[in-house]
Protein backbone atom coordinates (compact mmCIF):
# COMPACT_ATOMS: atom_id res chain seq x y z
CA MET A 1 -104.99 -36.86 -169.54
CA GLN A 2 -103.85 -39.67 -171.86
CA LEU A 3 -101.60 -42.53 -170.75
CA ASN A 4 -98.17 -42.73 -172.41
CA ARG A 5 -95.25 -45.16 -172.38
CA THR A 6 -93.41 -43.07 -169.82
CA ASP A 7 -96.33 -43.39 -167.45
CA LEU A 8 -96.37 -47.17 -167.87
CA ALA A 9 -92.68 -47.46 -167.07
CA ASP A 10 -93.03 -45.17 -164.07
CA PHE A 11 -96.07 -47.10 -162.83
CA LEU A 12 -93.92 -50.23 -162.72
CA TYR A 13 -91.30 -48.35 -160.72
CA PHE A 14 -94.00 -47.03 -158.42
CA LEU A 15 -95.34 -50.54 -157.72
CA ALA A 16 -91.84 -51.78 -156.88
CA ILE A 17 -91.44 -48.94 -154.36
CA ALA A 18 -94.89 -49.66 -152.94
CA ARG A 19 -93.96 -53.33 -152.43
CA HIS A 20 -90.63 -52.72 -150.75
CA ARG A 21 -91.22 -49.33 -149.11
CA SER A 22 -87.62 -48.67 -150.05
CA PHE A 23 -86.04 -46.92 -153.04
CA ARG A 24 -82.86 -48.99 -152.70
CA ARG A 25 -84.65 -52.36 -152.76
CA ALA A 26 -86.98 -51.27 -155.55
CA ALA A 27 -84.03 -50.07 -157.61
CA LEU A 28 -82.28 -53.43 -157.19
CA GLU A 29 -85.40 -55.26 -158.30
CA MET A 30 -85.92 -53.06 -161.35
CA GLY A 31 -82.26 -52.96 -162.36
CA VAL A 32 -81.86 -49.17 -162.19
CA THR A 33 -80.06 -46.77 -159.88
CA THR A 34 -81.72 -45.30 -156.82
CA SER A 35 -81.21 -41.85 -158.31
CA ALA A 36 -82.95 -42.81 -161.57
CA LEU A 37 -85.87 -44.23 -159.60
CA SER A 38 -86.17 -41.06 -157.53
CA HIS A 39 -86.13 -38.86 -160.64
CA ALA A 40 -88.78 -41.05 -162.28
CA MET A 41 -91.11 -40.70 -159.29
CA THR A 42 -90.59 -36.95 -159.12
CA ALA A 43 -91.40 -36.69 -162.83
CA LEU A 44 -94.52 -38.88 -162.46
CA GLU A 45 -95.81 -36.77 -159.57
CA ALA A 46 -95.13 -33.59 -161.56
CA ARG A 47 -96.92 -34.87 -164.69
CA ARG A 48 -99.95 -36.00 -162.70
CA GLY A 49 -99.95 -33.01 -160.35
CA VAL A 50 -100.33 -35.13 -157.21
CA ARG A 51 -97.97 -36.45 -154.53
CA LEU A 52 -97.88 -40.26 -154.43
CA LEU A 53 -95.12 -40.89 -151.89
CA ASN A 54 -94.13 -39.57 -148.48
CA ARG A 55 -90.34 -39.73 -148.30
CA THR A 56 -88.07 -39.35 -145.31
CA THR A 57 -84.45 -40.37 -144.76
CA ARG A 58 -85.69 -43.51 -142.99
CA SER A 59 -88.95 -44.53 -144.63
CA VAL A 60 -91.14 -44.40 -147.70
CA THR A 61 -94.94 -44.52 -147.38
CA LEU A 62 -97.81 -44.02 -149.79
CA THR A 63 -100.09 -41.03 -149.70
CA ALA A 64 -103.83 -41.54 -150.01
CA ALA A 65 -103.47 -40.89 -153.74
CA GLY A 66 -100.61 -43.40 -153.88
CA GLU A 67 -102.68 -46.07 -152.15
CA GLU A 68 -105.52 -45.51 -154.62
CA LEU A 69 -103.16 -45.68 -157.58
CA ARG A 70 -101.61 -48.93 -156.36
CA ALA A 71 -105.03 -50.52 -155.85
CA SER A 72 -106.07 -49.50 -159.35
CA ILE A 73 -103.03 -50.57 -161.38
CA GLU A 74 -101.42 -53.45 -159.47
CA ARG A 75 -103.55 -56.33 -160.78
CA PRO A 76 -103.86 -55.05 -164.39
CA LEU A 77 -100.08 -54.66 -164.73
CA GLU A 78 -99.54 -58.09 -163.16
CA ALA A 79 -101.91 -59.50 -165.77
CA VAL A 80 -99.88 -57.86 -168.57
CA GLY A 81 -96.69 -59.35 -167.13
CA GLU A 82 -98.27 -62.79 -166.86
CA ALA A 83 -99.48 -62.56 -170.44
CA ALA A 84 -95.95 -61.77 -171.61
CA GLU A 85 -94.58 -64.71 -169.62
CA ASN A 86 -97.20 -67.04 -171.07
CA LEU A 87 -95.86 -66.38 -174.58
CA ASN A 88 -92.84 -68.48 -173.59
CA ARG A 89 -95.08 -71.56 -173.55
CA PHE A 90 -95.15 -71.39 -177.34
CA ARG A 91 -91.36 -71.76 -177.56
CA ASP A 92 -89.95 -75.22 -178.23
CA THR A 93 -87.31 -74.81 -175.52
CA PRO A 94 -87.62 -71.86 -173.11
CA PRO A 95 -84.14 -70.37 -172.69
CA GLY A 96 -83.11 -68.36 -169.68
CA ARG A 97 -81.01 -68.21 -166.56
CA VAL A 98 -82.12 -68.15 -162.94
CA ARG A 99 -80.13 -67.52 -159.76
CA ILE A 100 -81.42 -69.01 -156.52
CA ASN A 101 -80.12 -69.01 -152.96
CA VAL A 102 -80.85 -72.35 -151.31
CA LEU A 103 -80.80 -73.68 -147.77
CA GLY A 104 -78.36 -76.58 -147.42
CA ASP A 105 -81.08 -79.07 -146.44
CA ALA A 106 -82.99 -78.36 -149.65
CA VAL A 107 -80.19 -79.69 -151.86
CA PRO A 108 -80.43 -83.42 -151.04
CA LEU A 109 -84.17 -83.34 -150.36
CA LEU A 110 -85.45 -81.22 -153.28
CA LEU A 111 -82.79 -80.48 -155.88
CA ASP A 112 -80.84 -83.76 -156.08
CA PRO A 113 -83.94 -85.75 -157.11
CA VAL A 114 -85.30 -83.05 -159.45
CA MET A 115 -82.32 -81.51 -161.26
CA PRO A 116 -81.42 -84.52 -163.46
CA VAL A 117 -84.96 -84.42 -164.91
CA PHE A 118 -84.88 -80.61 -165.18
CA VAL A 119 -81.56 -80.53 -167.06
CA ALA A 120 -82.74 -83.25 -169.45
CA ARG A 121 -86.08 -81.52 -170.07
CA TYR A 122 -84.71 -77.96 -170.41
CA PRO A 123 -81.09 -78.22 -171.63
CA GLU A 124 -80.84 -74.54 -172.60
CA VAL A 125 -81.86 -73.24 -169.15
CA GLU A 126 -79.02 -72.20 -166.81
CA VAL A 127 -79.57 -72.54 -163.06
CA ASP A 128 -77.08 -70.79 -160.78
CA ILE A 129 -77.42 -72.26 -157.28
CA SER A 130 -75.85 -70.68 -154.21
CA VAL A 131 -76.06 -72.89 -151.10
CA SER A 132 -76.06 -70.99 -147.82
CA ASN A 133 -77.75 -71.35 -144.46
CA ARG A 134 -77.33 -67.65 -143.72
CA LEU A 135 -80.38 -65.41 -144.05
CA ILE A 136 -79.51 -63.04 -146.86
CA ASP A 137 -81.30 -60.32 -148.77
CA ILE A 138 -81.91 -62.09 -152.10
CA ILE A 139 -82.58 -58.79 -153.89
CA ALA A 140 -79.33 -57.21 -152.72
CA GLY A 141 -77.54 -60.46 -153.52
CA GLY A 142 -78.79 -60.47 -157.09
CA PHE A 143 -80.88 -63.64 -156.74
CA ASP A 144 -84.18 -64.30 -158.44
CA ALA A 145 -85.47 -66.42 -155.55
CA GLY A 146 -84.62 -68.27 -152.38
CA ILE A 147 -85.62 -71.62 -150.90
CA ARG A 148 -86.10 -71.89 -147.14
CA TYR A 149 -88.25 -73.61 -144.53
CA GLY A 150 -91.67 -71.98 -144.35
CA GLY A 151 -91.15 -70.36 -140.95
CA THR A 152 -88.06 -68.45 -142.10
CA VAL A 153 -89.36 -66.89 -145.34
CA PRO A 154 -89.22 -63.06 -145.18
CA GLU A 155 -92.68 -61.59 -144.68
CA ASP A 156 -92.39 -59.11 -147.57
CA MET A 157 -91.89 -61.86 -150.18
CA ILE A 158 -94.25 -63.90 -152.32
CA ALA A 159 -93.96 -67.52 -151.13
CA GLN A 160 -94.98 -70.78 -152.79
CA ARG A 161 -94.93 -74.19 -151.10
CA LEU A 162 -92.54 -76.83 -152.47
CA SER A 163 -93.07 -79.62 -149.95
CA PRO A 164 -95.45 -80.86 -147.26
CA ASP A 165 -94.85 -79.79 -143.66
CA ILE A 166 -91.94 -81.53 -141.95
CA ARG A 167 -91.55 -83.31 -138.61
CA TRP A 168 -88.63 -82.18 -136.44
CA VAL A 169 -86.95 -84.71 -134.18
CA ALA A 170 -84.15 -85.18 -131.65
CA ALA A 171 -81.90 -88.16 -132.31
CA ALA A 172 -78.74 -89.82 -130.98
CA SER A 173 -76.51 -92.79 -131.77
CA PRO A 174 -77.08 -96.15 -130.05
CA ASP A 175 -73.61 -95.79 -128.49
CA TYR A 176 -74.47 -92.43 -126.94
CA LEU A 177 -77.76 -93.72 -125.55
CA ALA A 178 -76.06 -96.80 -124.09
CA ARG A 179 -73.53 -94.59 -122.26
CA PHE A 180 -75.75 -91.73 -121.12
CA GLY A 181 -79.31 -93.05 -121.20
CA THR A 182 -82.41 -91.91 -123.09
CA PRO A 183 -84.18 -88.64 -122.14
CA ALA A 184 -87.84 -89.16 -121.21
CA THR A 185 -88.88 -85.49 -121.33
CA PRO A 186 -87.47 -82.39 -123.04
CA GLN A 187 -86.33 -81.10 -119.63
CA ASP A 188 -84.07 -84.18 -119.32
CA LEU A 189 -81.92 -82.71 -122.10
CA HIS A 190 -80.40 -80.35 -119.55
CA ALA A 191 -78.51 -83.36 -118.20
CA HIS A 192 -77.30 -84.46 -121.67
CA ARG A 193 -74.76 -83.42 -124.26
CA CYS A 194 -76.46 -81.75 -127.20
CA ILE A 195 -75.16 -80.46 -130.53
CA GLY A 196 -76.33 -76.84 -130.67
CA ILE A 197 -77.70 -75.12 -133.76
CA ARG A 198 -76.70 -71.65 -134.97
CA LEU A 199 -79.31 -70.09 -137.21
CA GLY A 200 -78.73 -68.06 -140.37
CA ASN A 201 -79.13 -64.84 -138.34
CA ASP A 202 -76.34 -65.96 -135.94
CA GLN A 203 -78.78 -66.65 -133.09
CA LEU A 204 -78.64 -69.92 -131.16
CA TYR A 205 -81.72 -72.01 -131.79
CA HIS A 206 -83.78 -73.25 -128.84
CA TRP A 207 -85.06 -76.72 -129.62
CA GLU A 208 -88.85 -76.87 -129.92
CA PHE A 209 -91.01 -79.73 -128.66
CA GLU A 210 -94.78 -80.27 -128.68
CA ARG A 211 -97.06 -82.92 -127.24
CA GLY A 212 -100.80 -82.30 -127.49
CA GLU A 213 -101.40 -78.86 -126.04
CA GLU A 214 -97.97 -78.70 -124.40
CA ALA A 215 -95.13 -76.75 -126.04
CA VAL A 216 -91.59 -76.54 -124.67
CA THR A 217 -88.42 -74.80 -125.88
CA ILE A 218 -85.04 -75.95 -124.60
CA ALA A 219 -81.72 -74.12 -124.71
CA ALA A 220 -79.89 -77.36 -125.44
CA PRO A 221 -76.58 -77.59 -123.54
CA GLY A 222 -73.52 -79.15 -125.08
CA PRO A 223 -69.91 -78.89 -126.17
CA LEU A 224 -70.50 -78.13 -129.88
CA THR A 225 -72.55 -75.76 -132.02
CA VAL A 226 -72.97 -76.11 -135.80
CA ASP A 227 -74.71 -74.18 -138.58
CA GLU A 228 -75.35 -77.01 -141.05
CA SER A 229 -77.02 -80.42 -140.94
CA PRO A 230 -74.16 -82.60 -142.27
CA ALA A 231 -71.89 -81.47 -139.44
CA ALA A 232 -74.59 -82.13 -136.83
CA ILE A 233 -75.30 -85.58 -138.29
CA GLY A 234 -71.62 -86.48 -138.30
CA PHE A 235 -71.20 -85.53 -134.65
CA GLY A 236 -74.42 -87.33 -133.75
CA VAL A 237 -73.44 -90.54 -135.51
CA SER A 238 -70.03 -90.49 -133.83
CA GLY A 239 -71.75 -90.44 -130.41
CA ILE A 240 -70.74 -86.97 -129.26
CA GLY A 241 -74.28 -85.93 -128.36
CA ILE A 242 -77.96 -85.59 -129.19
CA ILE A 243 -78.84 -83.72 -132.38
CA TYR A 244 -82.02 -82.02 -133.62
CA GLY A 245 -83.20 -81.67 -137.19
CA ALA A 246 -85.76 -82.24 -139.92
CA GLU A 247 -86.74 -85.91 -140.00
CA PRO A 248 -86.30 -86.26 -143.81
CA VAL A 249 -82.73 -84.96 -143.46
CA LEU A 250 -81.99 -87.65 -140.86
CA ALA A 251 -84.02 -90.41 -142.55
CA ARG A 252 -81.08 -92.25 -144.08
CA TYR A 253 -79.34 -92.55 -140.71
CA LEU A 254 -82.53 -93.43 -138.86
CA ASP A 255 -83.27 -96.19 -141.39
CA SER A 256 -79.78 -97.63 -141.04
CA GLY A 257 -79.86 -97.53 -137.25
CA ALA A 258 -76.93 -95.11 -137.03
CA LEU A 259 -79.28 -92.73 -135.22
CA ARG A 260 -82.37 -93.31 -133.10
CA ILE A 261 -85.18 -90.84 -132.46
CA VAL A 262 -85.57 -89.74 -128.85
CA LEU A 263 -88.58 -87.89 -127.45
CA GLY A 264 -90.54 -89.04 -130.48
CA ASP A 265 -93.87 -88.26 -128.81
CA TRP A 266 -92.68 -84.63 -128.45
CA ALA A 267 -91.73 -84.14 -132.13
CA PRO A 268 -93.37 -80.98 -133.61
CA ILE A 269 -94.44 -80.34 -137.18
CA GLY A 270 -92.90 -77.32 -138.91
CA GLY A 271 -93.35 -75.52 -142.22
CA GLY A 272 -92.06 -77.35 -145.28
CA PHE A 273 -89.82 -75.92 -147.98
CA HIS A 274 -91.01 -72.79 -149.77
CA VAL A 275 -89.63 -70.84 -152.69
CA TYR A 276 -89.90 -67.07 -152.31
CA TYR A 277 -89.31 -64.08 -154.58
CA PRO A 278 -90.04 -60.32 -154.66
CA GLY A 279 -93.14 -60.18 -156.83
CA ARG A 280 -95.26 -62.24 -159.21
CA ARG A 281 -94.53 -60.05 -162.22
CA GLN A 282 -90.80 -60.65 -162.10
CA VAL A 283 -90.89 -64.48 -161.94
CA PRO A 284 -88.45 -65.66 -164.65
CA THR A 285 -89.62 -68.45 -166.90
CA ALA A 286 -86.73 -70.67 -165.78
CA LEU A 287 -87.76 -70.28 -162.12
CA ARG A 288 -91.40 -71.06 -162.92
CA LEU A 289 -90.35 -74.22 -164.75
CA LEU A 290 -88.18 -75.35 -161.83
CA VAL A 291 -90.95 -74.73 -159.29
CA ASP A 292 -93.49 -76.53 -161.45
CA LEU A 293 -91.21 -79.56 -161.78
CA ILE A 294 -90.54 -79.79 -158.03
CA ARG A 295 -94.26 -79.64 -157.36
CA GLU A 296 -94.87 -82.23 -160.10
CA MET A 297 -92.24 -84.73 -158.86
CA ARG A 298 -93.02 -84.25 -155.14
CA PRO A 299 -89.61 -85.50 -153.88
CA LEU A 300 -90.79 -85.38 -150.26
CA GLY A 301 -94.06 -87.16 -151.01
CA ARG A 302 -97.73 -86.20 -150.66
CA ASP A 303 -99.64 -83.89 -152.96
CA ILE A 304 -98.60 -80.31 -152.20
CA ARG A 305 -101.96 -78.98 -153.40
CA LYS A 306 -103.72 -81.07 -150.76
CA GLU A 307 -101.27 -79.74 -148.17
CA GLU A 308 -102.04 -76.16 -149.24
CA ALA A 309 -105.77 -76.87 -148.96
CA ARG A 310 -105.28 -78.35 -145.48
CA VAL A 311 -103.25 -75.37 -144.26
CA SER A 312 -105.74 -72.93 -145.78
CA ALA A 313 -108.68 -74.69 -144.11
CA ALA A 314 -106.92 -74.72 -140.74
CA ALA A 315 -105.84 -71.08 -140.89
CA PRO A 316 -109.08 -69.44 -139.59
CA ALA A 317 -109.13 -71.73 -136.53
CA SER A 318 -105.57 -70.80 -135.62
CA ARG A 319 -106.10 -67.06 -135.62
């Protein structure tokens, strides 16, 4: 049976469904209705005379034939998509528009240093940036990509590192420490005022500490809870309580002496910033250019490729 253009289009739809295990999410990615996607899959199965998908009201899974089809066509179709994207390198100025959802901390640390160069280098590219600390579905929200700390990237997304790993620290103002003393262990925080952190999923974050083989999580007590770093920093500098955050975010205030690190020997290392998106084939040229520039300029220092090699080498030992 010969391959036709309809098959090629339906194969792309099929791969989107296989990635997301959801007709709704796949339809959003491909820019079609759920009904159109369902009809396309029914027609593909009818033409080929084999069932590719098991569908229920709650889940979508691949049949044995579906798994074999995905394994056979996934990489070749990705290669075709990459080849089409590579043609943009022959354009003098690659036009395009990209929408990204960005964690608040990423704006001063990644985008502020990079965007002046990006705009000057690619004046015809439009970048639509939505800043939010809430965990959102970037596909449902109509975004091409998101930027988050490594540990919070959704597991079903393609992720690419944008920065080295980051040290997380507790800090307080000199005035607060003079009035209430300096905690010597994470457990001492129970006797202090802390500025709590509400995560993007509305859960309260338990502060994490590590020293050697020891790991401790603390439900930090205190009068205030915030969901963004600038608010926490403001309350910390004013002496209300101890705060917790990424060291690069606090660096300016630590350097000036407005804040001092406490429990420095307990500070853990967490995943750096990552960009994430639904699939390699759909990466817009504008997004690729932005990612490449961030990795080229390295606003948080250190060679990201070396960091990736270090993490990759350490991975087997951590399993």
